[in-house]
């Protein structure tokens, strides 16, 4: 009985650690910077507003 408990505890610890690593990895990822034409985006919004 005690062996099973230890195995379950080990599995729980491993899964918790994997979750923690994944969340840290997701938080530290840096989005890819792209060259964005701000004026073109503003023009799109103005055009969309004009259609309404």
C-alpha atoms as a PDB file:
ATOM      1  CA  UNK A   1       0.000   0.000   0.000  1.00  0.00           C
ATOM      2  CA  UNK A   2       2.719   2.460   0.884  1.00  0.00           C
ATOM      3  CA  UNK A   3       4.474   1.870  -2.453  1.00  0.00           C
ATOM      4  CA  UNK A   4       1.376   2.903  -4.409  1.00  0.00           C
ATOM      5  CA  UNK A   5       1.026   6.068  -2.390  1.00  0.00           C
ATOM      6  CA  UNK A   6       4.635   6.967  -3.111  1.00  0.00           C
ATOM      7  CA  UNK A   7       4.097   6.362  -6.832  1.00  0.00           C
ATOM      8  CA  UNK A   8       1.009   8.542  -6.840  1.00  0.00           C
ATOM      9  CA  UNK A   9       2.819  11.248  -4.911  1.00  0.00           C
ATOM     10  CA  UNK A  10       5.713  11.086  -7.357  1.00  0.00           C
ATOM     11  CA  UNK A  11       3.350  11.378 -10.326  1.00  0.00           C
ATOM     12  CA  UNK A  12       1.605  14.330  -8.691  1.00  0.00           C
ATOM     13  CA  UNK A  13       4.896  16.081  -8.031  1.00  0.00           C
ATOM     14  CA  UNK A  14       6.078  15.510 -11.598  1.00  0.00           C
ATOM     15  CA  UNK A  15       2.839  16.803 -13.102  1.00  0.00           C
ATOM     16  CA  UNK A  16       2.853  19.852 -10.823  1.00  0.00           C
ATOM     17  CA  UNK A  17       6.440  20.613 -11.774  1.00  0.00           C
ATOM     18  CA  UNK A  18       5.656  20.164 -15.481  1.00  0.00           C
ATOM     19  CA  UNK A  19       2.693  22.549 -15.168  1.00  0.00           C
ATOM     20  CA  UNK A  20       4.854  25.102 -13.385  1.00  0.00           C
ATOM     21  CA  UNK A  21       7.590  24.859 -16.038  1.00  0.00           C
ATOM     22  CA  UNK A  22       5.026  25.264 -18.806  1.00  0.00           C
ATOM     23  CA  UNK A  23       3.423  28.312 -17.198  1.00  0.00           C
ATOM     24  CA  UNK A  24       6.832  29.951 -16.677  1.00  0.00           C
ATOM     25  CA  UNK A  25       7.739  29.180 -20.277  1.00  0.00           C
ATOM     26  CA  UNK A  26       4.495  30.743 -21.520  1.00  0.00           C
ATOM     27  CA  UNK A  27       4.967  33.839 -19.371  1.00  0.00           C
ATOM     28  CA  UNK A  28       8.519  34.434 -20.552  1.00  0.00           C
ATOM     29  CA  UNK A  29       7.899  33.970 -24.272  1.00  0.00           C
ATOM     30  CA  UNK A  30       8.485  37.111 -26.270  1.00  0.00           C
ATOM     31  CA  UNK A  31       6.140  37.774 -29.168  1.00  0.00           C
ATOM     32  CA  UNK A  32       7.700  38.085 -32.606  1.00  0.00           C
ATOM     33  CA  UNK A  33       8.039  41.723 -33.592  1.00  0.00           C
ATOM     34  CA  UNK A  34       6.932  42.453 -37.100  1.00  0.00           C
ATOM     35  CA  UNK A  35       7.228  45.595 -39.164  1.00  0.00           C
ATOM     36  CA  UNK A  36       3.785  47.112 -38.853  1.00  0.00           C
ATOM     37  CA  UNK A  37       2.502  50.021 -40.866  1.00  0.00           C
ATOM     38  CA  UNK A  38       0.551  51.995 -38.269  1.00  0.00           C
ATOM     39  CA  UNK A  39      -0.856  54.457 -40.770  1.00  0.00           C
ATOM     40  CA  UNK A  40      -2.310  51.640 -42.897  1.00  0.00           C
ATOM     41  CA  UNK A  41      -4.034  50.157 -39.842  1.00  0.00           C
ATOM     42  CA  UNK A  42      -5.483  53.560 -38.917  1.00  0.00           C
ATOM     43  CA  UNK A  43      -6.776  53.906 -42.479  1.00  0.00           C
ATOM     44  CA  UNK A  44      -8.463  50.495 -42.223  1.00  0.00           C
ATOM     45  CA  UNK A  45     -10.265  51.562 -39.048  1.00  0.00           C
ATOM     46  CA  UNK A  46     -11.421  54.801 -40.618  1.00  0.00           C
ATOM     47  CA  UNK A  47     -12.681  52.889 -43.672  1.00  0.00           C
ATOM     48  CA  UNK A  48     -14.522  50.389 -41.473  1.00  0.00           C
ATOM     49  CA  UNK A  49     -16.100  53.220 -39.474  1.00  0.00           C
ATOM     50  CA  UNK A  50     -17.197  54.938 -42.698  1.00  0.00           C
ATOM     51  CA  UNK A  51     -19.004  51.769 -43.830  1.00  0.00           C
ATOM     52  CA  UNK A  52     -21.136  51.792 -40.673  1.00  0.00           C
END
